[in-house]
PDB file of all heavy atoms in Angstrom:
ATOM      1  N   TRP A   1     -20.270  -0.464  18.216  1.00  0.00           N
ATOM      2  CA  TRP A   1     -19.773   0.204  17.009  1.00  0.00           C
ATOM      3  C   TRP A   1     -19.402  -0.893  15.904  1.00  0.00           C
ATOM      4  O   TRP A   1     -19.846  -0.792  14.756  1.00  0.00           O
ATOM      5  CB  TRP A   1     -18.609   1.016  17.202  1.00  0.00           C
ATOM      6  CG  TRP A   1     -17.983   1.516  15.892  1.00  0.00           C
ATOM      7  CD1 TRP A   1     -16.683   1.372  15.581  1.00  0.00           C
ATOM      8  CD2 TRP A   1     -18.636   2.176  14.895  1.00  0.00           C
ATOM      9  NE1 TRP A   1     -16.490   1.804  14.317  1.00  0.00           N
ATOM     10  CE2 TRP A   1     -17.684   2.471  13.845  1.00  0.00           C
ATOM     11  CE3 TRP A   1     -19.870   2.844  14.762  1.00  0.00           C
ATOM     12  CZ2 TRP A   1     -17.927   3.117  12.690  1.00  0.00           C
ATOM     13  CZ3 TRP A   1     -20.215   3.410  13.541  1.00  0.00           C
ATOM     14  CH2 TRP A   1     -19.217   3.683  12.572  1.00  0.00           C
ATOM     15  N   PRO A   2     -18.733  -2.082  16.273  1.00  0.00           N
ATOM     16  CA  PRO A   2     -18.569  -3.072  15.247  1.00  0.00           C
ATOM     17  C   PRO A   2     -19.750  -3.530  14.593  1.00  0.00           C
ATOM     18  O   PRO A   2     -19.786  -3.800  13.313  1.00  0.00           O
ATOM     19  CB  PRO A   2     -17.767  -4.220  15.949  1.00  0.00           C
ATOM     20  CG  PRO A   2     -17.172  -3.509  17.125  1.00  0.00           C
ATOM     21  CD  PRO A   2     -18.109  -2.393  17.576  1.00  0.00           C
ATOM     22  N   THR A   3     -20.910  -3.710  15.372  1.00  0.00           N
ATOM     23  CA  THR A   3     -22.132  -4.172  14.715  1.00  0.00           C
ATOM     24  C   THR A   3     -22.761  -3.130  13.830  1.00  0.00           C
ATOM     25  O   THR A   3     -23.144  -3.480  12.732  1.00  0.00           O
ATOM     26  CB  THR A   3     -23.139  -4.431  15.968  1.00  0.00           C
ATOM     27  OG1 THR A   3     -22.531  -5.498  16.823  1.00  0.00           O
ATOM     28  CG2 THR A   3     -24.367  -4.941  15.353  1.00  0.00           C
ATOM     29  N   VAL A   4     -22.693  -1.929  14.316  1.00  0.00           N
ATOM     30  CA  VAL A   4     -23.211  -0.766  13.489  1.00  0.00           C
ATOM     31  C   VAL A   4     -22.469  -0.675  12.164  1.00  0.00           C
ATOM     32  O   VAL A   4     -22.955  -0.507  11.162  1.00  0.00           O
ATOM     33  CB  VAL A   4     -23.220   0.605  14.235  1.00  0.00           C
ATOM     34  CG1 VAL A   4     -23.679   1.621  13.404  1.00  0.00           C
ATOM     35  CG2 VAL A   4     -24.175   0.398  15.488  1.00  0.00           C
ATOM     36  N   ARG A   5     -21.155  -0.676  12.415  1.00  0.00           N
ATOM     37  CA  ARG A   5     -20.118  -0.538  11.196  1.00  0.00           C
ATOM     38  C   ARG A   5     -20.425  -1.663  10.179  1.00  0.00           C
ATOM     39  O   ARG A   5     -20.500  -1.295   8.979  1.00  0.00           O
ATOM     40  CB  ARG A   5     -18.759  -0.649  11.734  1.00  0.00           C
ATOM     41  CG  ARG A   5     -17.723  -0.628  10.676  1.00  0.00           C
ATOM     42  CD  ARG A   5     -16.424  -1.212  11.163  1.00  0.00           C
ATOM     43  NE  ARG A   5     -16.586  -2.610  11.579  1.00  0.00           N
ATOM     44  CZ  ARG A   5     -15.760  -3.369  12.369  1.00  0.00           C
ATOM     45  NH1 ARG A   5     -14.876  -2.769  12.971  1.00  0.00           N
ATOM     46  NH2 ARG A   5     -16.043  -4.585  12.549  1.00  0.00           N
ATOM     47  N   ASP A   6     -20.566  -2.900  10.720  1.00  0.00           N
ATOM     48  CA  ASP A   6     -20.780  -4.036   9.721  1.00  0.00           C
ATOM     49  C   ASP A   6     -22.090  -3.825   8.974  1.00  0.00           C
ATOM     50  O   ASP A   6     -22.278  -4.128   7.745  1.00  0.00           O
ATOM     51  CB  ASP A   6     -20.715  -5.362  10.464  1.00  0.00           C
ATOM     52  CG  ASP A   6     -19.373  -5.741  10.979  1.00  0.00           C
ATOM     53  OD1 ASP A   6     -18.336  -5.099  10.545  1.00  0.00           O
ATOM     54  OD2 ASP A   6     -19.275  -6.550  11.829  1.00  0.00           O
ATOM     55  N   ARG A   7     -23.222  -3.473   9.593  1.00  0.00           N
ATOM     56  CA  ARG A   7     -24.473  -3.212   8.966  1.00  0.00           C
ATOM     57  C   ARG A   7     -24.300  -2.053   7.948  1.00  0.00           C
ATOM     58  O   ARG A   7     -24.852  -2.209   6.787  1.00  0.00           O
ATOM     59  CB  ARG A   7     -25.550  -2.847   9.963  1.00  0.00           C
ATOM     60  CG  ARG A   7     -25.987  -4.067  10.870  1.00  0.00           C
ATOM     61  CD  ARG A   7     -27.085  -3.663  11.873  1.00  0.00           C
ATOM     62  NE  ARG A   7     -28.187  -3.171  11.102  1.00  0.00           N
ATOM     63  CZ  ARG A   7     -29.203  -2.428  11.774  1.00  0.00           C
ATOM     64  NH1 ARG A   7     -29.177  -2.334  13.081  1.00  0.00           N
ATOM     65  NH2 ARG A   7     -30.239  -2.023  11.080  1.00  0.00           N
ATOM     66  N   LEU A   8     -23.536  -1.050   8.293  1.00  0.00           N
ATOM     67  CA  LEU A   8     -23.431   0.065   7.510  1.00  0.00           C
ATOM     68  C   LEU A   8     -22.604  -0.385   6.201  1.00  0.00           C
ATOM     69  O   LEU A   8     -22.882  -0.042   5.040  1.00  0.00           O
ATOM     70  CB  LEU A   8     -22.658   1.195   8.163  1.00  0.00           C
ATOM     71  CG  LEU A   8     -22.249   2.408   7.221  1.00  0.00           C
ATOM     72  CD1 LEU A   8     -23.441   3.089   6.689  1.00  0.00           C
ATOM     73  CD2 LEU A   8     -21.555   3.417   8.080  1.00  0.00           C
ATOM     74  N   ASN A   9     -21.515  -1.141   6.378  1.00  0.00           N
ATOM     75  CA  ASN A   9     -20.820  -1.603   5.277  1.00  0.00           C
ATOM     76  C   ASN A   9     -21.586  -2.537   4.336  1.00  0.00           C
ATOM     77  O   ASN A   9     -21.431  -2.528   3.117  1.00  0.00           O
ATOM     78  CB  ASN A   9     -19.458  -2.412   5.823  1.00  0.00           C
ATOM     79  CG  ASN A   9     -18.449  -1.413   6.100  1.00  0.00           C
ATOM     80  OD1 ASN A   9     -18.294  -0.375   5.625  1.00  0.00           O
ATOM     81  ND2 ASN A   9     -17.578  -1.736   7.070  1.00  0.00           N
ATOM     82  N   ALA A  10     -22.415  -3.376   4.982  1.00  0.00           N
ATOM     83  CA  ALA A  10     -23.224  -4.311   4.161  1.00  0.00           C
ATOM     84  C   ALA A  10     -24.274  -3.479   3.285  1.00  0.00           C
ATOM     85  O   ALA A  10     -24.500  -3.813   2.075  1.00  0.00           O
ATOM     86  CB  ALA A  10     -24.069  -5.258   5.081  1.00  0.00           C
ATOM     87  N   LEU A  11     -24.835  -2.451   3.834  1.00  0.00           N
ATOM     88  CA  LEU A  11     -25.706  -1.535   3.217  1.00  0.00           C
ATOM     89  C   LEU A  11     -24.984  -0.925   1.972  1.00  0.00           C
ATOM     90  O   LEU A  11     -25.462  -0.845   0.932  1.00  0.00           O
ATOM     91  CB  LEU A  11     -26.223  -0.492   4.142  1.00  0.00           C
ATOM     92  CG  LEU A  11     -27.226   0.700   3.563  1.00  0.00           C
ATOM     93  CD1 LEU A  11     -28.464  -0.070   2.991  1.00  0.00           C
ATOM     94  CD2 LEU A  11     -27.501   1.700   4.574  1.00  0.00           C
ATOM     95  N   LEU A  12     -23.795  -0.361   2.177  1.00  0.00           N
ATOM     96  CA  LEU A  12     -23.032   0.283   1.117  1.00  0.00           C
ATOM     97  C   LEU A  12     -22.518  -0.687   0.053  1.00  0.00           C
ATOM     98  O   LEU A  12     -22.597  -0.318  -1.135  1.00  0.00           O
ATOM     99  CB  LEU A  12     -21.875   0.973   1.757  1.00  0.00           C
ATOM    100  CG  LEU A  12     -22.213   2.238   2.764  1.00  0.00           C
ATOM    101  CD1 LEU A  12     -20.926   2.705   3.491  1.00  0.00           C
ATOM    102  CD2 LEU A  12     -22.902   3.305   1.908  1.00  0.00           C
ATOM    103  N   ARG A  13     -22.159  -1.862   0.453  1.00  0.00           N
ATOM    104  CA  ARG A  13     -21.672  -2.839  -0.526  1.00  0.00           C
ATOM    105  C   ARG A  13     -22.892  -3.231  -1.431  1.00  0.00           C
ATOM    106  O   ARG A  13     -22.673  -3.347  -2.656  1.00  0.00           O
ATOM    107  CB  ARG A  13     -21.186  -4.135   0.097  1.00  0.00           C
ATOM    108  CG  ARG A  13     -19.789  -4.013   0.649  1.00  0.00           C
ATOM    109  CD  ARG A  13     -19.155  -5.340   0.928  1.00  0.00           C
ATOM    110  NE  ARG A  13     -20.019  -6.087   1.944  1.00  0.00           N
ATOM    111  CZ  ARG A  13     -19.650  -5.963   3.146  1.00  0.00           C
ATOM    112  NH1 ARG A  13     -18.694  -5.218   3.654  1.00  0.00           N
ATOM    113  NH2 ARG A  13     -20.510  -6.652   4.025  1.00  0.00           N
ATOM    114  N   GLY A  14     -24.092  -3.381  -0.829  1.00  0.00           N
ATOM    115  CA  GLY A  14     -25.214  -3.846  -1.670  1.00  0.00           C
ATOM    116  C   GLY A  14     -25.635  -2.703  -2.638  1.00  0.00           C
ATOM    117  O   GLY A  14     -25.833  -2.932  -3.836  1.00  0.00           O
ATOM    118  N   TRP A  15     -25.555  -1.478  -2.209  1.00  0.00           N
ATOM    119  CA  TRP A  15     -25.929  -0.300  -3.034  1.00  0.00           C
ATOM    120  C   TRP A  15     -24.965  -0.109  -4.200  1.00  0.00           C
ATOM    121  O   TRP A  15     -25.218   0.099  -5.393  1.00  0.00           O
ATOM    122  CB  TRP A  15     -26.013   0.922  -2.144  1.00  0.00           C
ATOM    123  CG  TRP A  15     -26.590   2.054  -2.785  1.00  0.00           C
ATOM    124  CD1 TRP A  15     -27.922   2.513  -2.912  1.00  0.00           C
ATOM    125  CD2 TRP A  15     -25.976   3.076  -3.723  1.00  0.00           C
ATOM    126  NE1 TRP A  15     -28.162   3.559  -3.585  1.00  0.00           N
ATOM    127  CE2 TRP A  15     -26.995   3.995  -4.236  1.00  0.00           C
ATOM    128  CE3 TRP A  15     -24.617   3.389  -4.145  1.00  0.00           C
ATOM    129  CZ2 TRP A  15     -26.747   5.081  -5.077  1.00  0.00           C
ATOM    130  CZ3 TRP A  15     -24.322   4.332  -4.937  1.00  0.00           C
ATOM    131  CH2 TRP A  15     -25.333   5.345  -5.457  1.00  0.00           C
ATOM    132  N   SER A  16     -23.672  -0.199  -3.789  1.00  0.00           N
ATOM    133  CA  SER A  16     -22.545   0.111  -4.846  1.00  0.00           C
ATOM    134  C   SER A  16     -22.473  -1.208  -5.834  1.00  0.00           C
ATOM    135  O   SER A  16     -22.105  -0.978  -7.028  1.00  0.00           O
ATOM    136  CB  SER A  16     -21.314   0.266  -4.238  1.00  0.00           C
ATOM    137  OG  SER A  16     -20.855  -0.923  -3.458  1.00  0.00           O
ATOM    138  N   ALA A  17     -22.796  -2.440  -5.434  1.00  0.00           N
ATOM    139  CA  ALA A  17     -22.882  -3.526  -6.369  1.00  0.00           C
ATOM    140  C   ALA A  17     -24.031  -3.278  -7.399  1.00  0.00           C
ATOM    141  O   ALA A  17     -23.778  -3.709  -8.592  1.00  0.00           O
ATOM    142  CB  ALA A  17     -23.147  -4.829  -5.540  1.00  0.00           C
ATOM    143  N   TYR A  18     -25.158  -2.765  -6.947  1.00  0.00           N
ATOM    144  CA  TYR A  18     -26.233  -2.547  -7.961  1.00  0.00           C
ATOM    145  C   TYR A  18     -25.881  -1.399  -8.820  1.00  0.00           C
ATOM    146  O   TYR A  18     -26.128  -1.404 -10.020  1.00  0.00           O
ATOM    147  CB  TYR A  18     -27.565  -2.236  -7.210  1.00  0.00           C
ATOM    148  CG  TYR A  18     -28.768  -1.988  -8.119  1.00  0.00           C
ATOM    149  CD1 TYR A  18     -29.455  -3.054  -8.677  1.00  0.00           C
ATOM    150  CD2 TYR A  18     -29.028  -0.658  -8.494  1.00  0.00           C
ATOM    151  CE1 TYR A  18     -30.490  -2.887  -9.540  1.00  0.00           C
ATOM    152  CE2 TYR A  18     -30.235  -0.461  -9.309  1.00  0.00           C
ATOM    153  CZ  TYR A  18     -30.808  -1.626  -9.863  1.00  0.00           C
ATOM    154  OH  TYR A  18     -31.850  -1.369 -10.705  1.00  0.00           O
ATOM    155  N   PHE A  19     -25.367  -0.341  -8.189  1.00  0.00           N
ATOM    156  CA  PHE A  19     -24.973   0.862  -9.020  1.00  0.00           C
ATOM    157  C   PHE A  19     -23.508   0.874  -9.492  1.00  0.00           C
ATOM    158  O   PHE A  19     -22.772   1.699  -9.189  1.00  0.00           O
ATOM    159  CB  PHE A  19     -25.332   2.133  -8.213  1.00  0.00           C
ATOM    160  CG  PHE A  19     -26.822   2.303  -8.000  1.00  0.00           C
ATOM    161  CD1 PHE A  19     -27.440   2.019  -6.891  1.00  0.00           C
ATOM    162  CD2 PHE A  19     -27.636   2.792  -9.122  1.00  0.00           C
ATOM    163  CE1 PHE A  19     -28.812   2.299  -6.684  1.00  0.00           C
ATOM    164  CE2 PHE A  19     -28.998   2.890  -8.987  1.00  0.00           C
ATOM    165  CZ  PHE A  19     -29.587   2.728  -7.785  1.00  0.00           C
ATOM    166  N   SER A  20     -23.140  -0.174 -10.078  1.00  0.00           N
ATOM    167  CA  SER A  20     -21.761  -0.425 -10.533  1.00  0.00           C
ATOM    168  C   SER A  20     -21.632  -0.163 -12.123  1.00  0.00           C
ATOM    169  O   SER A  20     -20.499  -0.383 -12.582  1.00  0.00           O
ATOM    170  CB  SER A  20     -21.268  -1.822 -10.099  1.00  0.00           C
ATOM    171  OG  SER A  20     -22.007  -2.771 -10.837  1.00  0.00           O
ATOM    172  N   TYR A  21     -22.709   0.245 -12.660  1.00  0.00           N
ATOM    173  CA  TYR A  21     -22.786   0.534 -14.125  1.00  0.00           C
ATOM    174  C   TYR A  21     -22.770   2.005 -14.442  1.00  0.00           C
ATOM    175  O   TYR A  21     -23.355   2.787 -13.656  1.00  0.00           O
ATOM    176  CB  TYR A  21     -24.054  -0.176 -14.678  1.00  0.00           C
ATOM    177  CG  TYR A  21     -24.236   0.209 -16.151  1.00  0.00           C
ATOM    178  CD1 TYR A  21     -23.537  -0.548 -17.106  1.00  0.00           C
ATOM    179  CD2 TYR A  21     -25.138   1.135 -16.553  1.00  0.00           C
ATOM    180  CE1 TYR A  21     -23.756  -0.386 -18.459  1.00  0.00           C
ATOM    181  CE2 TYR A  21     -25.321   1.301 -17.997  1.00  0.00           C
ATOM    182  CZ  TYR A  21     -24.710   0.706 -18.880  1.00  0.00           C
ATOM    183  OH  TYR A  21     -24.809   0.816 -20.163  1.00  0.00           O
ATOM    184  N   GLY A  22     -22.064   2.316 -15.480  1.00  0.00           N
ATOM    185  CA  GLY A  22     -22.254   3.751 -16.013  1.00  0.00           C
ATOM    186  C   GLY A  22     -21.351   4.741 -15.184  1.00  0.00           C
ATOM    187  O   GLY A  22     -20.273   4.267 -14.518  1.00  0.00           O
ATOM    188  N   THR A  23     -21.734   5.943 -15.344  1.00  0.00           N
ATOM    189  CA  THR A  23     -20.990   7.016 -14.585  1.00  0.00           C
ATOM    190  C   THR A  23     -21.425   7.156 -13.145  1.00  0.00           C
ATOM    191  O   THR A  23     -22.616   7.484 -12.896  1.00  0.00           O
ATOM    192  CB  THR A  23     -21.359   8.378 -15.311  1.00  0.00           C
ATOM    193  OG1 THR A  23     -21.037   8.306 -16.639  1.00  0.00           O
ATOM    194  CG2 THR A  23     -20.547   9.553 -14.672  1.00  0.00           C
ATOM    195  N   ARG A  24     -20.606   6.928 -12.277  1.00  0.00           N
ATOM    196  CA  ARG A  24     -20.939   6.821 -10.821  1.00  0.00           C
ATOM    197  C   ARG A  24     -20.082   7.572  -9.811  1.00  0.00           C
ATOM    198  O   ARG A  24     -20.359   7.573  -8.670  1.00  0.00           O
ATOM    199  CB  ARG A  24     -21.063   5.345 -10.465  1.00  0.00           C
ATOM    200  CG  ARG A  24     -19.834   4.510 -10.764  1.00  0.00           C
ATOM    201  CD  ARG A  24     -20.130   3.063 -10.698  1.00  0.00           C
ATOM    202  NE  ARG A  24     -18.934   2.219 -10.940  1.00  0.00           N
ATOM    203  CZ  ARG A  24     -18.345   1.913 -12.079  1.00  0.00           C
ATOM    204  NH1 ARG A  24     -18.922   2.482 -13.168  1.00  0.00           N
ATOM    205  NH2 ARG A  24     -17.349   1.229 -12.212  1.00  0.00           N
ATOM    206  N   LEU A  25     -19.066   8.191 -10.365  1.00  0.00           N
ATOM    207  CA  LEU A  25     -18.076   8.757  -9.593  1.00  0.00           C
ATOM    208  C   LEU A  25     -18.620   9.898  -8.686  1.00  0.00           C
ATOM    209  O   LEU A  25     -18.456   9.991  -7.442  1.00  0.00           O
ATOM    210  CB  LEU A  25     -16.850   9.450 -10.392  1.00  0.00           C
ATOM    211  CG  LEU A  25     -15.775  10.163  -9.560  1.00  0.00           C
ATOM    212  CD1 LEU A  25     -15.086   9.210  -8.540  1.00  0.00           C
ATOM    213  CD2 LEU A  25     -14.729  10.663 -10.479  1.00  0.00           C
ATOM    214  N   GLN A  26     -19.453  10.731  -9.234  1.00  0.00           N
ATOM    215  CA  GLN A  26     -20.050  11.968  -8.512  1.00  0.00           C
ATOM    216  C   GLN A  26     -21.003  11.418  -7.397  1.00  0.00           C
ATOM    217  O   GLN A  26     -21.015  11.839  -6.297  1.00  0.00           O
ATOM    218  CB  GLN A  26     -20.809  12.764  -9.539  1.00  0.00           C
ATOM    219  CG  GLN A  26     -21.297  14.082  -8.966  1.00  0.00           C
ATOM    220  CD  GLN A  26     -21.885  15.023  -9.870  1.00  0.00           C
ATOM    221  OE1 GLN A  26     -21.835  14.794 -11.159  1.00  0.00           O
ATOM    222  NE2 GLN A  26     -22.429  16.104  -9.450  1.00  0.00           N
ATOM    223  N   ALA A  27     -21.758  10.330  -7.728  1.00  0.00           N
ATOM    224  CA  ALA A  27     -22.718   9.770  -6.705  1.00  0.00           C
ATOM    225  C   ALA A  27     -21.913   9.082  -5.619  1.00  0.00           C
ATOM    226  O   ALA A  27     -22.279   9.252  -4.462  1.00  0.00           O
ATOM    227  CB  ALA A  27     -23.602   8.839  -7.376  1.00  0.00           C
ATOM    228  N   TYR A  28     -20.928   8.365  -6.018  1.00  0.00           N
ATOM    229  CA  TYR A  28     -20.081   7.640  -4.972  1.00  0.00           C
ATOM    230  C   TYR A  28     -19.403   8.673  -4.096  1.00  0.00           C
ATOM    231  O   TYR A  28     -19.400   8.513  -2.784  1.00  0.00           O
ATOM    232  CB  TYR A  28     -18.913   6.835  -5.611  1.00  0.00           C
ATOM    233  CG  TYR A  28     -19.377   5.437  -6.124  1.00  0.00           C
ATOM    234  CD1 TYR A  28     -20.705   5.258  -6.365  1.00  0.00           C
ATOM    235  CD2 TYR A  28     -18.502   4.483  -6.300  1.00  0.00           C
ATOM    236  CE1 TYR A  28     -21.044   3.965  -6.913  1.00  0.00           C
ATOM    237  CE2 TYR A  28     -18.849   3.305  -6.825  1.00  0.00           C
ATOM    238  CZ  TYR A  28     -20.162   2.932  -7.075  1.00  0.00           C
ATOM    239  OH  TYR A  28     -20.542   1.761  -7.531  1.00  0.00           O
ATOM    240  N   ARG A  29     -18.917   9.737  -4.558  1.00  0.00           N
ATOM    241  CA  ARG A  29     -18.250  10.724  -3.743  1.00  0.00           C
ATOM    242  C   ARG A  29     -19.329  11.411  -2.814  1.00  0.00           C
ATOM    243  O   ARG A  29     -19.017  11.799  -1.759  1.00  0.00           O
ATOM    244  CB  ARG A  29     -17.645  11.905  -4.577  1.00  0.00           C
ATOM    245  CG  ARG A  29     -16.301  11.498  -5.231  1.00  0.00           C
ATOM    246  CD  ARG A  29     -15.674  12.593  -6.100  1.00  0.00           C
ATOM    247  NE  ARG A  29     -14.338  12.263  -6.546  1.00  0.00           N
ATOM    248  CZ  ARG A  29     -13.714  12.866  -7.433  1.00  0.00           C
ATOM    249  NH1 ARG A  29     -14.240  14.042  -7.964  1.00  0.00           N
ATOM    250  NH2 ARG A  29     -12.337  12.492  -7.756  1.00  0.00           N
ATOM    251  N   ALA A  30     -20.495  11.761  -3.379  1.00  0.00           N
ATOM    252  CA  ALA A  30     -21.464  12.322  -2.435  1.00  0.00           C
ATOM    253  C   ALA A  30     -21.892  11.363  -1.349  1.00  0.00           C
ATOM    254  O   ALA A  30     -22.013  11.939  -0.167  1.00  0.00           O
ATOM    255  CB  ALA A  30     -22.796  12.672  -3.353  1.00  0.00           C
ATOM    256  N   ILE A  31     -21.933  10.179  -1.612  1.00  0.00           N
ATOM    257  CA  ILE A  31     -22.347   9.212  -0.489  1.00  0.00           C
ATOM    258  C   ILE A  31     -21.105   9.074   0.370  1.00  0.00           C
ATOM    259  O   ILE A  31     -21.318   8.921   1.672  1.00  0.00           O
ATOM    260  CB  ILE A  31     -22.755   7.855  -1.101  1.00  0.00           C
ATOM    261  CG1 ILE A  31     -24.013   8.178  -1.885  1.00  0.00           C
ATOM    262  CG2 ILE A  31     -22.932   6.794  -0.076  1.00  0.00           C
ATOM    263  CD1 ILE A  31     -24.397   6.921  -2.729  1.00  0.00           C
ATOM    264  N   ASP A  32     -19.928   8.982   0.036  1.00  0.00           N
ATOM    265  CA  ASP A  32     -18.723   8.976   0.829  1.00  0.00           C
ATOM    266  C   ASP A  32     -18.684  10.069   1.760  1.00  0.00           C
ATOM    267  O   ASP A  32     -18.467   9.870   3.075  1.00  0.00           O
ATOM    268  CB  ASP A  32     -17.507   8.896  -0.020  1.00  0.00           C
ATOM    269  CG  ASP A  32     -17.132   7.590  -0.666  1.00  0.00           C
ATOM    270  OD1 ASP A  32     -17.773   6.614  -0.144  1.00  0.00           O
ATOM    271  OD2 ASP A  32     -16.288   7.426  -1.467  1.00  0.00           O
ATOM    272  N   HIS A  33     -18.912  11.276   1.272  1.00  0.00           N
ATOM    273  CA  HIS A  33     -18.880  12.524   2.250  1.00  0.00           C
ATOM    274  C   HIS A  33     -20.073  12.498   3.160  1.00  0.00           C
ATOM    275  O   HIS A  33     -19.822  12.708   4.392  1.00  0.00           O
ATOM    276  CB  HIS A  33     -18.949  13.728   1.403  1.00  0.00           C
ATOM    277  CG  HIS A  33     -17.724  14.077   0.504  1.00  0.00           C
ATOM    278  ND1 HIS A  33     -16.410  14.008   1.023  1.00  0.00           N
ATOM    279  CD2 HIS A  33     -17.675  14.502  -0.751  1.00  0.00           C
ATOM    280  CE1 HIS A  33     -15.618  14.280   0.089  1.00  0.00           C
ATOM    281  NE2 HIS A  33     -16.296  14.556  -1.074  1.00  0.00           N
ATOM    282  N   HIS A  34     -21.287  11.883   2.808  1.00  0.00           N
ATOM    283  CA  HIS A  34     -22.435  11.880   3.653  1.00  0.00           C
ATOM    284  C   HIS A  34     -22.082  10.830   4.721  1.00  0.00           C
ATOM    285  O   HIS A  34     -22.385  11.037   5.913  1.00  0.00           O
ATOM    286  CB  HIS A  34     -23.663  11.471   2.874  1.00  0.00           C
ATOM    287  CG  HIS A  34     -24.892  11.377   3.706  1.00  0.00           C
ATOM    288  ND1 HIS A  34     -25.533  12.508   4.095  1.00  0.00           N
ATOM    289  CD2 HIS A  34     -25.552  10.401   4.182  1.00  0.00           C
ATOM    290  CE1 HIS A  34     -26.620  12.148   4.845  1.00  0.00           C
ATOM    291  NE2 HIS A  34     -26.622  10.871   4.848  1.00  0.00           N
ATOM    292  N   VAL A  35     -21.475   9.656   4.326  1.00  0.00           N
ATOM    293  CA  VAL A  35     -21.168   8.569   5.376  1.00  0.00           C
ATOM    294  C   VAL A  35     -20.220   9.156   6.385  1.00  0.00           C
ATOM    295  O   VAL A  35     -20.389   8.902   7.486  1.00  0.00           O
ATOM    296  CB  VAL A  35     -20.587   7.356   4.691  1.00  0.00           C
ATOM    297  CG1 VAL A  35     -20.105   6.391   5.610  1.00  0.00           C
ATOM    298  CG2 VAL A  35     -21.604   6.724   3.863  1.00  0.00           C
ATOM    299  N   TYR A  36     -19.135   9.826   5.896  1.00  0.00           N
ATOM    300  CA  TYR A  36     -18.279  10.399   6.860  1.00  0.00           C
ATOM    301  C   TYR A  36     -18.967  11.398   7.892  1.00  0.00           C
ATOM    302  O   TYR A  36     -18.695  11.302   9.077  1.00  0.00           O
ATOM    303  CB  TYR A  36     -17.073  11.090   6.209  1.00  0.00           C
ATOM    304  CG  TYR A  36     -16.243  11.907   7.028  1.00  0.00           C
ATOM    305  CD1 TYR A  36     -15.349  11.112   7.987  1.00  0.00           C
ATOM    306  CD2 TYR A  36     -16.068  13.246   7.040  1.00  0.00           C
ATOM    307  CE1 TYR A  36     -14.571  11.923   8.881  1.00  0.00           C
ATOM    308  CE2 TYR A  36     -15.247  13.938   7.872  1.00  0.00           C
ATOM    309  CZ  TYR A  36     -14.545  13.242   8.823  1.00  0.00           C
ATOM    310  OH  TYR A  36     -13.776  13.970   9.722  1.00  0.00           O
ATOM    311  N   ASP A  37     -19.662  12.271   7.256  1.00  0.00           N
ATOM    312  CA  ASP A  37     -20.276  13.230   8.241  1.00  0.00           C
ATOM    313  C   ASP A  37     -21.208  12.585   9.226  1.00  0.00           C
ATOM    314  O   ASP A  37     -21.282  12.921  10.425  1.00  0.00           O
ATOM    315  CB  ASP A  37     -21.117  14.272   7.350  1.00  0.00           C
ATOM    316  CG  ASP A  37     -20.374  15.206   6.612  1.00  0.00           C
ATOM    317  OD1 ASP A  37     -19.198  15.411   6.976  1.00  0.00           O
ATOM    318  OD2 ASP A  37     -20.850  15.792   5.643  1.00  0.00           O
ATOM    319  N   ARG A  38     -22.055  11.559   8.779  1.00  0.00           N
ATOM    320  CA  ARG A  38     -22.981  10.820   9.590  1.00  0.00           C
ATOM    321  C   ARG A  38     -22.256   9.935  10.739  1.00  0.00           C
ATOM    322  O   ARG A  38     -22.604   9.989  11.951  1.00  0.00           O
ATOM    323  CB  ARG A  38     -23.996  10.079   8.910  1.00  0.00           C
ATOM    324  CG  ARG A  38     -24.901  10.880   7.871  1.00  0.00           C
ATOM    325  CD  ARG A  38     -25.560  12.059   8.483  1.00  0.00           C
ATOM    326  NE  ARG A  38     -26.316  11.623   9.681  1.00  0.00           N
ATOM    327  CZ  ARG A  38     -26.779  12.494  10.631  1.00  0.00           C
ATOM    328  NH1 ARG A  38     -26.470  13.646  10.478  1.00  0.00           N
ATOM    329  NH2 ARG A  38     -27.506  12.000  11.587  1.00  0.00           N
ATOM    330  N   VAL A  39     -21.178   9.345  10.225  1.00  0.00           N
ATOM    331  CA  VAL A  39     -20.445   8.524  11.187  1.00  0.00           C
ATOM    332  C   VAL A  39     -19.730   9.305  12.286  1.00  0.00           C
ATOM    333  O   VAL A  39     -19.778   8.922  13.402  1.00  0.00           O
ATOM    334  CB  VAL A  39     -19.412   7.576  10.462  1.00  0.00           C
ATOM    335  CG1 VAL A  39     -18.400   6.963  11.370  1.00  0.00           C
ATOM    336  CG2 VAL A  39     -20.107   6.448   9.651  1.00  0.00           C
ATOM    337  N   ARG A  40     -19.185  10.393  11.827  1.00  0.00           N
ATOM    338  CA  ARG A  40     -18.470  11.334  12.703  1.00  0.00           C
ATOM    339  C   ARG A  40     -19.430  11.911  13.725  1.00  0.00           C
ATOM    340  O   ARG A  40     -19.093  11.968  14.916  1.00  0.00           O
ATOM    341  CB  ARG A  40     -17.810  12.441  11.975  1.00  0.00           C
ATOM    342  CG  ARG A  40     -16.807  13.218  12.774  1.00  0.00           C
ATOM    343  CD  ARG A  40     -16.307  14.552  12.110  1.00  0.00           C
ATOM    344  NE  ARG A  40     -17.301  15.571  12.025  1.00  0.00           N
ATOM    345  CZ  ARG A  40     -17.932  16.002  10.796  1.00  0.00           C
ATOM    346  NH1 ARG A  40     -17.392  15.433   9.718  1.00  0.00           N
ATOM    347  NH2 ARG A  40     -18.918  16.811  10.742  1.00  0.00           N
ATOM    348  N   HIS A  41     -20.569  12.316  13.246  1.00  0.00           N
ATOM    349  CA  HIS A  41     -21.586  12.827  14.115  1.00  0.00           C
ATOM    350  C   HIS A  41     -22.135  11.753  15.128  1.00  0.00           C
ATOM    351  O   HIS A  41     -22.212  11.948  16.331  1.00  0.00           O
ATOM    352  CB  HIS A  41     -22.828  13.365  13.356  1.00  0.00           C
ATOM    353  CG  HIS A  41     -23.820  14.022  14.209  1.00  0.00           C
ATOM    354  ND1 HIS A  41     -23.733  15.138  14.845  1.00  0.00           N
ATOM    355  CD2 HIS A  41     -25.113  13.641  14.439  1.00  0.00           C
ATOM    356  CE1 HIS A  41     -24.825  15.545  15.518  1.00  0.00           C
ATOM    357  NE2 HIS A  41     -25.683  14.612  15.252  1.00  0.00           N
TER     358      HIS A  41
END
């Protein structure tokens, strides 16, 4: 799990760093909810 978690965090950090411009709250929330659902599953 620590290895999977670190890869997941790296993926999310890279995505959010690129998409850090403009209006992003709705997209961020959608991804947060998706991450929670997939991690929990």
